[in-house]
Amino acid sequence: AVDEAAVVGVPNDLTGQEIVAVVRLKPGARADRPALEAFCRERFAPANRPSAVLVADAFPLGTTGKILKRELRAWAGARLSSI
């Protein structure tokens, strides 16, 4: 169901930084956060596992088509603080 994924580190008061995966789903695909987080739990070692998986409609892209990680990090941090 995942078309594209990016991983960023967002600030965390307790640990300094936490790993967050942001995914964009394929058109028409459906997946919820618990299912995506369970997928990561099954396949990644605890040290490499994202603490959260967020679903985005689109990634912020630069003029060359690369994902703008700074903007994605800010977006993910704002989403996590509202959860």
PDB file of N, CA and C in Angstrom:
ATOM      1  N   ALA A   1       0.815  -1.196   0.000  1.00  0.00           N
ATOM      2  CA  ALA A   1       0.000   0.000   0.000  1.00  0.00           C
ATOM      3  C   ALA A   1       0.859   1.260   0.000  1.00  0.00           C
ATOM      4  N   VAL A   2       2.127   1.146   0.393  1.00  0.00           N
ATOM      5  CA  VAL A   2       3.001   2.317   0.481  1.00  0.00           C
ATOM      6  C   VAL A   2       3.668   2.573  -0.863  1.00  0.00           C
ATOM      7  N   ASP A   3       3.545   3.791  -1.353  1.00  0.00           N
ATOM      8  CA  ASP A   3       4.161   4.180  -2.615  1.00  0.00           C
ATOM      9  C   ASP A   3       5.540   4.790  -2.393  1.00  0.00           C
ATOM     10  N   GLU A   4       5.670   5.587  -1.334  1.00  0.00           N
ATOM     11  CA  GLU A   4       6.920   6.283  -1.067  1.00  0.00           C
ATOM     12  C   GLU A   4       7.046   6.486   0.435  1.00  0.00           C
ATOM     13  N   ALA A   5       8.271   6.437   0.937  1.00  0.00           N
ATOM     14  CA  ALA A   5       8.506   6.618   2.370  1.00  0.00           C
ATOM     15  C   ALA A   5       9.760   7.449   2.594  1.00  0.00           C
ATOM     16  N   ALA A   6       9.756   8.179   3.689  1.00  0.00           N
ATOM     17  CA  ALA A   6      10.927   8.949   4.108  1.00  0.00           C
ATOM     18  C   ALA A   6      11.011   8.844   5.624  1.00  0.00           C
ATOM     19  N   VAL A   7      12.219   8.870   6.130  1.00  0.00           N
ATOM     20  CA  VAL A   7      12.440   8.777   7.572  1.00  0.00           C
ATOM     21  C   VAL A   7      13.177  10.025   8.014  1.00  0.00           C
ATOM     22  N   VAL A   8      12.678  10.643   9.085  1.00  0.00           N
ATOM     23  CA  VAL A   8      13.302  11.850   9.622  1.00  0.00           C
ATOM     24  C   VAL A   8      13.434  11.720  11.131  1.00  0.00           C
ATOM     25  N   GLY A   9      14.342  12.481  11.685  1.00  0.00           N
ATOM     26  CA  GLY A   9      14.467  12.572  13.135  1.00  0.00           C
ATOM     27  C   GLY A   9      13.790  13.842  13.599  1.00  0.00           C
ATOM     28  N   VAL A  10      12.903  13.716  14.579  1.00  0.00           N
ATOM     29  CA  VAL A  10      12.230  14.895  15.124  1.00  0.00           C
ATOM     30  C   VAL A  10      12.651  15.064  16.586  1.00  0.00           C
ATOM     31  N   PRO A  11      12.730  16.302  17.053  1.00  0.00           N
ATOM     32  CA  PRO A  11      13.150  16.541  18.430  1.00  0.00           C
ATOM     33  C   PRO A  11      12.223  15.872  19.445  1.00  0.00           C
ATOM     34  N   ASN A  12      12.829  15.364  20.508  1.00  0.00           N
ATOM     35  CA  ASN A  12      12.091  14.727  21.592  1.00  0.00           C
ATOM     36  C   ASN A  12      12.727  15.204  22.896  1.00  0.00           C
ATOM     37  N   ASP A  13      11.920  15.719  23.810  1.00  0.00           N
ATOM     38  CA  ASP A  13      12.440  16.263  25.071  1.00  0.00           C
ATOM     39  C   ASP A  13      13.133  15.207  25.916  1.00  0.00           C
ATOM     40  N   LEU A  14      12.651  13.993  25.880  1.00  0.00           N
ATOM     41  CA  LEU A  14      13.200  12.941  26.729  1.00  0.00           C
ATOM     42  C   LEU A  14      14.471  12.323  26.140  1.00  0.00           C
ATOM     43  N   THR A  15      14.436  11.963  24.864  1.00  0.00           N
ATOM     44  CA  THR A  15      15.565  11.253  24.249  1.00  0.00           C
ATOM     45  C   THR A  15      16.432  12.131  23.354  1.00  0.00           C
ATOM     46  N   GLY A  16      16.021  13.340  23.101  1.00  0.00           N
ATOM     47  CA  GLY A  16      16.758  14.226  22.210  1.00  0.00           C
ATOM     48  C   GLY A  16      16.219  14.188  20.788  1.00  0.00           C
ATOM     49  N   GLN A  17      15.985  12.972  20.298  1.00  0.00           N
ATOM     50  CA  GLN A  17      15.466  12.823  18.934  1.00  0.00           C
ATOM     51  C   GLN A  17      14.793  11.466  18.810  1.00  0.00           C
ATOM     52  N   GLU A  18      13.744  11.414  18.005  1.00  0.00           N
ATOM     53  CA  GLU A  18      13.099  10.133  17.742  1.00  0.00           C
ATOM     54  C   GLU A  18      12.931   9.946  16.237  1.00  0.00           C
ATOM     55  N   ILE A  19      12.930   8.689  15.826  1.00  0.00           N
ATOM     56  CA  ILE A  19      12.802   8.342  14.417  1.00  0.00           C
ATOM     57  C   ILE A  19      11.325   8.289  14.052  1.00  0.00           C
ATOM     58  N   VAL A  20      10.966   8.979  12.981  1.00  0.00           N
ATOM     59  CA  VAL A  20       9.588   8.992  12.497  1.00  0.00           C
ATOM     60  C   VAL A  20       9.598   8.676  11.006  1.00  0.00           C
ATOM     61  N   ALA A  21       8.783   7.722  10.601  1.00  0.00           N
ATOM     62  CA  ALA A  21       8.620   7.403   9.182  1.00  0.00           C
ATOM     63  C   ALA A  21       7.382   8.118   8.664  1.00  0.00           C
ATOM     64  N   VAL A  22       7.511   8.712   7.502  1.00  0.00           N
ATOM     65  CA  VAL A  22       6.380   9.364   6.843  1.00  0.00           C
ATOM     66  C   VAL A  22       6.177   8.633   5.528  1.00  0.00           C
ATOM     67  N   VAL A  23       4.960   8.181   5.283  1.00  0.00           N
ATOM     68  CA  VAL A  23       4.672   7.413   4.077  1.00  0.00           C
ATOM     69  C   VAL A  23       3.584   8.089   3.256  1.00  0.00           C
ATOM     70  N   ARG A  24       3.663   7.876   1.959  1.00  0.00           N
ATOM     71  CA  ARG A  24       2.618   8.288   1.031  1.00  0.00           C
ATOM     72  C   ARG A  24       2.075   7.012   0.425  1.00  0.00           C
ATOM     73  N   LEU A  25       0.773   6.856   0.468  1.00  0.00           N
ATOM     74  CA  LEU A  25       0.143   5.629  -0.018  1.00  0.00           C
ATOM     75  C   LEU A  25      -0.080   5.671  -1.525  1.00  0.00           C
ATOM     76  N   LYS A  26      -0.151   4.500  -2.119  1.00  0.00           N
ATOM     77  CA  LYS A  26      -0.481   4.390  -3.539  1.00  0.00           C
ATOM     78  C   LYS A  26      -1.901   4.892  -3.749  1.00  0.00           C
ATOM     79  N   PRO A  27      -2.197   5.439  -4.924  1.00  0.00           N
ATOM     80  CA  PRO A  27      -3.560   5.908  -5.185  1.00  0.00           C
ATOM     81  C   PRO A  27      -4.587   4.795  -4.959  1.00  0.00           C
ATOM     82  N   GLY A  28      -5.593   5.089  -4.174  1.00  0.00           N
ATOM     83  CA  GLY A  28      -6.653   4.131  -3.883  1.00  0.00           C
ATOM     84  C   GLY A  28      -6.323   3.141  -2.779  1.00  0.00           C
ATOM     85  N   ALA A  29      -5.083   3.117  -2.314  1.00  0.00           N
ATOM     86  CA  ALA A  29      -4.694   2.173  -1.252  1.00  0.00           C
ATOM     87  C   ALA A  29      -5.134   2.706   0.102  1.00  0.00           C
ATOM     88  N   ARG A  30      -5.327   1.778   1.027  1.00  0.00           N
ATOM     89  CA  ARG A  30      -5.729   2.155   2.382  1.00  0.00           C
ATOM     90  C   ARG A  30      -4.827   1.441   3.375  1.00  0.00           C
ATOM     91  N   ALA A  31      -4.406   2.167   4.370  1.00  0.00           N
ATOM     92  CA  ALA A  31      -3.620   1.601   5.467  1.00  0.00           C
ATOM     93  C   ALA A  31      -3.738   2.555   6.640  1.00  0.00           C
ATOM     94  N   ASP A  32      -3.804   2.001   7.827  1.00  0.00           N
ATOM     95  CA  ASP A  32      -3.891   2.857   9.002  1.00  0.00           C
ATOM     96  C   ASP A  32      -2.582   2.800   9.782  1.00  0.00           C
ATOM     97  N   ARG A  33      -2.407   3.754  10.675  1.00  0.00           N
ATOM     98  CA  ARG A  33      -1.161   3.844  11.451  1.00  0.00           C
ATOM     99  C   ARG A  33      -0.852   2.561  12.206  1.00  0.00           C
ATOM    100  N   PRO A  34      -1.811   1.953  12.918  1.00  0.00           N
ATOM    101  CA  PRO A  34      -1.463   0.719  13.643  1.00  0.00           C
ATOM    102  C   PRO A  34      -0.945  -0.393  12.727  1.00  0.00           C
ATOM    103  N   ALA A  35      -1.512  -0.528  11.550  1.00  0.00           N
ATOM    104  CA  ALA A  35      -1.053  -1.568  10.617  1.00  0.00           C
ATOM    105  C   ALA A  35       0.354  -1.264  10.113  1.00  0.00           C
ATOM    106  N   LEU A  36       0.622  -0.015   9.795  1.00  0.00           N
ATOM    107  CA  LEU A  36       1.953   0.366   9.328  1.00  0.00           C
ATOM    108  C   LEU A  36       2.987   0.201  10.440  1.00  0.00           C
ATOM    109  N   GLU A  37       2.631   0.574  11.662  1.00  0.00           N
ATOM    110  CA  GLU A  37       3.554   0.423  12.786  1.00  0.00           C
ATOM    111  C   GLU A  37       3.803  -1.057  13.085  1.00  0.00           C
ATOM    112  N   ALA A  38       2.791  -1.906  12.956  1.00  0.00           N
ATOM    113  CA  ALA A  38       2.975  -3.348  13.155  1.00  0.00           C
ATOM    114  C   ALA A  38       3.906  -3.913  12.080  1.00  0.00           C
ATOM    115  N   PHE A  39       3.753  -3.447  10.842  1.00  0.00           N
ATOM    116  CA  PHE A  39       4.638  -3.864   9.754  1.00  0.00           C
ATOM    117  C   PHE A  39       6.095  -3.546  10.099  1.00  0.00           C
ATOM    118  N   CYS A  40       6.342  -2.347  10.594  1.00  0.00           N
ATOM    119  CA  CYS A  40       7.707  -1.947  10.970  1.00  0.00           C
ATOM    120  C   CYS A  40       8.216  -2.765  12.153  1.00  0.00           C
ATOM    121  N   ARG A  41       7.353  -3.031  13.116  1.00  0.00           N
ATOM    122  CA  ARG A  41       7.735  -3.810  14.302  1.00  0.00           C
ATOM    123  C   ARG A  41       8.191  -5.216  13.914  1.00  0.00           C
ATOM    124  N   GLU A  42       7.548  -5.797  12.913  1.00  0.00           N
ATOM    125  CA  GLU A  42       7.888  -7.150  12.474  1.00  0.00           C
ATOM    126  C   GLU A  42       9.197  -7.208  11.685  1.00  0.00           C
ATOM    127  N   ARG A  43       9.589  -6.110  11.052  1.00  0.00           N
ATOM    128  CA  ARG A  43      10.703  -6.161  10.105  1.00  0.00           C
ATOM    129  C   ARG A  43      11.965  -5.413  10.523  1.00  0.00           C
ATOM    130  N   PHE A  44      11.877  -4.544  11.518  1.00  0.00           N
ATOM    131  CA  PHE A  44      13.031  -3.737  11.912  1.00  0.00           C
ATOM    132  C   PHE A  44      13.452  -4.048  13.337  1.00  0.00           C
ATOM    133  N   ALA A  45      14.757  -4.002  13.559  1.00  0.00           N
ATOM    134  CA  ALA A  45      15.287  -4.161  14.910  1.00  0.00           C
ATOM    135  C   ALA A  45      14.831  -2.966  15.751  1.00  0.00           C
ATOM    136  N   PRO A  46      14.684  -3.150  17.058  1.00  0.00           N
ATOM    137  CA  PRO A  46      14.201  -2.049  17.910  1.00  0.00           C
ATOM    138  C   PRO A  46      14.992  -0.749  17.748  1.00  0.00           C
ATOM    139  N   ALA A  47      16.292  -0.821  17.585  1.00  0.00           N
ATOM    140  CA  ALA A  47      17.099   0.395  17.445  1.00  0.00           C
ATOM    141  C   ALA A  47      16.837   1.122  16.127  1.00  0.00           C
ATOM    142  N   ASN A  48      16.368   0.398  15.122  1.00  0.00           N
ATOM    143  CA  ASN A  48      16.122   0.988  13.803  1.00  0.00           C
ATOM    144  C   ASN A  48      14.653   1.267  13.525  1.00  0.00           C
ATOM    145  N   ARG A  49      13.793   0.903  14.431  1.00  0.00           N
ATOM    146  CA  ARG A  49      12.351   1.016  14.232  1.00  0.00           C
ATOM    147  C   ARG A  49      11.873   2.439  14.483  1.00  0.00           C
ATOM    148  N   PRO A  50      11.043   2.976  13.587  1.00  0.00           N
ATOM    149  CA  PRO A  50      10.488   4.308  13.846  1.00  0.00           C
ATOM    150  C   PRO A  50       9.543   4.264  15.045  1.00  0.00           C
ATOM    151  N   SER A  51       9.552   5.342  15.817  1.00  0.00           N
ATOM    152  CA  SER A  51       8.652   5.400  16.971  1.00  0.00           C
ATOM    153  C   SER A  51       7.220   5.681  16.529  1.00  0.00           C
ATOM    154  N   ALA A  52       7.067   6.235  15.333  1.00  0.00           N
ATOM    155  CA  ALA A  52       5.732   6.508  14.798  1.00  0.00           C
ATOM    156  C   ALA A  52       5.797   6.455  13.277  1.00  0.00           C
ATOM    157  N   VAL A  53       4.663   6.146  12.677  1.00  0.00           N
ATOM    158  CA  VAL A  53       4.520   6.174  11.219  1.00  0.00           C
ATOM    159  C   VAL A  53       3.366   7.112  10.910  1.00  0.00           C
ATOM    160  N   LEU A  54       3.645   8.139  10.121  1.00  0.00           N
ATOM    161  CA  LEU A  54       2.629   9.115   9.753  1.00  0.00           C
ATOM    162  C   LEU A  54       2.315   8.980   8.267  1.00  0.00           C
ATOM    163  N   VAL A  55       1.071   9.209   7.909  1.00  0.00           N
ATOM    164  CA  VAL A  55       0.652   9.136   6.508  1.00  0.00           C
ATOM    165  C   VAL A  55       0.463  10.554   5.987  1.00  0.00           C
ATOM    166  N   ALA A  56       1.130  10.859   4.869  1.00  0.00           N
ATOM    167  CA  ALA A  56       1.032  12.178   4.247  1.00  0.00           C
ATOM    168  C   ALA A  56       0.386  12.040   2.875  1.00  0.00           C
ATOM    169  N   ASP A  57      -0.312  13.073   2.470  1.00  0.00           N
ATOM    170  CA  ASP A  57      -0.904  13.089   1.126  1.00  0.00           C
ATOM    171  C   ASP A  57       0.167  13.301   0.062  1.00  0.00           C
ATOM    172  N   ALA A  58       1.173  14.113   0.391  1.00  0.00           N
ATOM    173  CA  ALA A  58       2.263  14.407  -0.537  1.00  0.00           C
ATOM    174  C   ALA A  58       3.483  14.814   0.276  1.00  0.00           C
ATOM    175  N   PHE A  59       4.645  14.684  -0.324  1.00  0.00           N
ATOM    176  CA  PHE A  59       5.886  15.122   0.307  1.00  0.00           C
ATOM    177  C   PHE A  59       6.257  16.499  -0.224  1.00  0.00           C
ATOM    178  N   PRO A  60       6.873  17.335   0.617  1.00  0.00           N
ATOM    179  CA  PRO A  60       7.375  18.606   0.098  1.00  0.00           C
ATOM    180  C   PRO A  60       8.591  18.327  -0.788  1.00  0.00           C
ATOM    181  N   LEU A  61       8.541  18.816  -2.007  1.00  0.00           N
ATOM    182  CA  LEU A  61       9.606  18.534  -2.969  1.00  0.00           C
ATOM    183  C   LEU A  61      10.290  19.818  -3.409  1.00  0.00           C
ATOM    184  N   GLY A  62      11.588  19.722  -3.638  1.00  0.00           N
ATOM    185  CA  GLY A  62      12.351  20.831  -4.182  1.00  0.00           C
ATOM    186  C   GLY A  62      12.220  20.877  -5.692  1.00  0.00           C
ATOM    187  N   THR A  63      12.924  21.788  -6.303  1.00  0.00           N
ATOM    188  CA  THR A  63      12.830  21.953  -7.752  1.00  0.00           C
ATOM    189  C   THR A  63      13.404  20.762  -8.505  1.00  0.00           C
ATOM    190  N   THR A  64      14.300  20.004  -7.869  1.00  0.00           N
ATOM    191  CA  THR A  64      14.876  18.829  -8.523  1.00  0.00           C
ATOM    192  C   THR A  64      14.074  17.559  -8.253  1.00  0.00           C
ATOM    193  N   GLY A  65      12.992  17.678  -7.462  1.00  0.00           N
ATOM    194  CA  GLY A  65      12.156  16.527  -7.168  1.00  0.00           C
ATOM    195  C   GLY A  65      12.564  15.763  -5.912  1.00  0.00           C
ATOM    196  N   LYS A  66      13.598  16.248  -5.215  1.00  0.00           N
ATOM    197  CA  LYS A  66      14.022  15.585  -3.986  1.00  0.00           C
ATOM    198  C   LYS A  66      13.131  16.019  -2.824  1.00  0.00           C
ATOM    199  N   ILE A  67      12.948  15.119  -1.874  1.00  0.00           N
ATOM    200  CA  ILE A  67      12.147  15.420  -0.692  1.00  0.00           C
ATOM    201  C   ILE A  67      12.890  16.428   0.167  1.00  0.00           C
ATOM    202  N   LEU A  68      12.191  17.475   0.575  1.00  0.00           N
ATOM    203  CA  LEU A  68      12.771  18.492   1.450  1.00  0.00           C
ATOM    204  C   LEU A  68      12.624  18.027   2.895  1.00  0.00           C
ATOM    205  N   LYS A  69      13.683  17.400   3.401  1.00  0.00           N
ATOM    206  CA  LYS A  69      13.633  16.778   4.724  1.00  0.00           C
ATOM    207  C   LYS A  69      13.372  17.800   5.833  1.00  0.00           C
ATOM    208  N   ARG A  70      13.912  19.007   5.723  1.00  0.00           N
ATOM    209  CA  ARG A  70      13.704  20.017   6.764  1.00  0.00           C
ATOM    210  C   ARG A  70      12.215  20.339   6.911  1.00  0.00           C
ATOM    211  N   GLU A  71      11.536  20.513   5.786  1.00  0.00           N
ATOM    212  CA  GLU A  71      10.092  20.793   5.827  1.00  0.00           C
ATOM    213  C   GLU A  71       9.310  19.571   6.297  1.00  0.00           C
ATOM    214  N   LEU A  72       9.730  18.391   5.872  1.00  0.00           N
ATOM    215  CA  LEU A  72       9.060  17.165   6.291  1.00  0.00           C
ATOM    216  C   LEU A  72       9.235  16.957   7.796  1.00  0.00           C
ATOM    217  N   ARG A  73      10.426  17.254   8.324  1.00  0.00           N
ATOM    218  CA  ARG A  73      10.700  17.143   9.754  1.00  0.00           C
ATOM    219  C   ARG A  73       9.785  18.084  10.551  1.00  0.00           C
ATOM    220  N   ALA A  74       9.625  19.311  10.079  1.00  0.00           N
ATOM    221  CA  ALA A  74       8.753  20.280  10.752  1.00  0.00           C
ATOM    222  C   ALA A  74       7.298  19.791  10.725  1.00  0.00           C
ATOM    223  N   TRP A  75       6.869  19.274   9.583  1.00  0.00           N
ATOM    224  CA  TRP A  75       5.494  18.774   9.445  1.00  0.00           C
ATOM    225  C   TRP A  75       5.267  17.586  10.394  1.00  0.00           C
ATOM    226  N   ALA A  76       6.216  16.650  10.426  1.00  0.00           N
ATOM    227  CA  ALA A  76       6.083  15.468  11.281  1.00  0.00           C
ATOM    228  C   ALA A  76       6.092  15.860  12.745  1.00  0.00           C
ATOM    229  N   GLY A  77       6.954  16.802  13.128  1.00  0.00           N
ATOM    230  CA  GLY A  77       6.984  17.270  14.516  1.00  0.00           C
ATOM    231  C   GLY A  77       5.671  17.890  14.943  1.00  0.00           C
ATOM    232  N   ALA A  78       5.079  18.665  14.060  1.00  0.00           N
ATOM    233  CA  ALA A  78       3.783  19.294  14.369  1.00  0.00           C
ATOM    234  C   ALA A  78       2.693  18.244  14.494  1.00  0.00           C
ATOM    235  N   ARG A  79       2.709  17.231  13.613  1.00  0.00           N
ATOM    236  CA  ARG A  79       1.707  16.171  13.684  1.00  0.00           C
ATOM    237  C   ARG A  79       1.846  15.347  14.972  1.00  0.00           C
ATOM    238  N   LEU A  80       3.089  15.054  15.370  1.00  0.00           N
ATOM    239  CA  LEU A  80       3.306  14.257  16.579  1.00  0.00           C
ATOM    240  C   LEU A  80       2.878  14.998  17.828  1.00  0.00           C
ATOM    241  N   SER A  81       3.077  16.314  17.851  1.00  0.00           N
ATOM    242  CA  SER A  81       2.702  17.071  19.041  1.00  0.00           C
ATOM    243  C   SER A  81       1.191  17.165  19.203  1.00  0.00           C
ATOM    244  N   SER A  82       0.450  16.946  18.104  1.00  0.00           N
ATOM    245  CA  SER A  82      -1.017  17.006  18.180  1.00  0.00           C
ATOM    246  C   SER A  82      -1.657  15.655  18.442  1.00  0.00           C
ATOM    247  N   ILE A  83      -0.845  14.597  18.484  1.00  0.00           N
ATOM    248  CA  ILE A  83      -1.384  13.244  18.712  1.00  0.00           C
ATOM    249  C   ILE A  83      -1.456  12.968  20.183  1.00  0.00           C
TER     250      ILE A  83
END
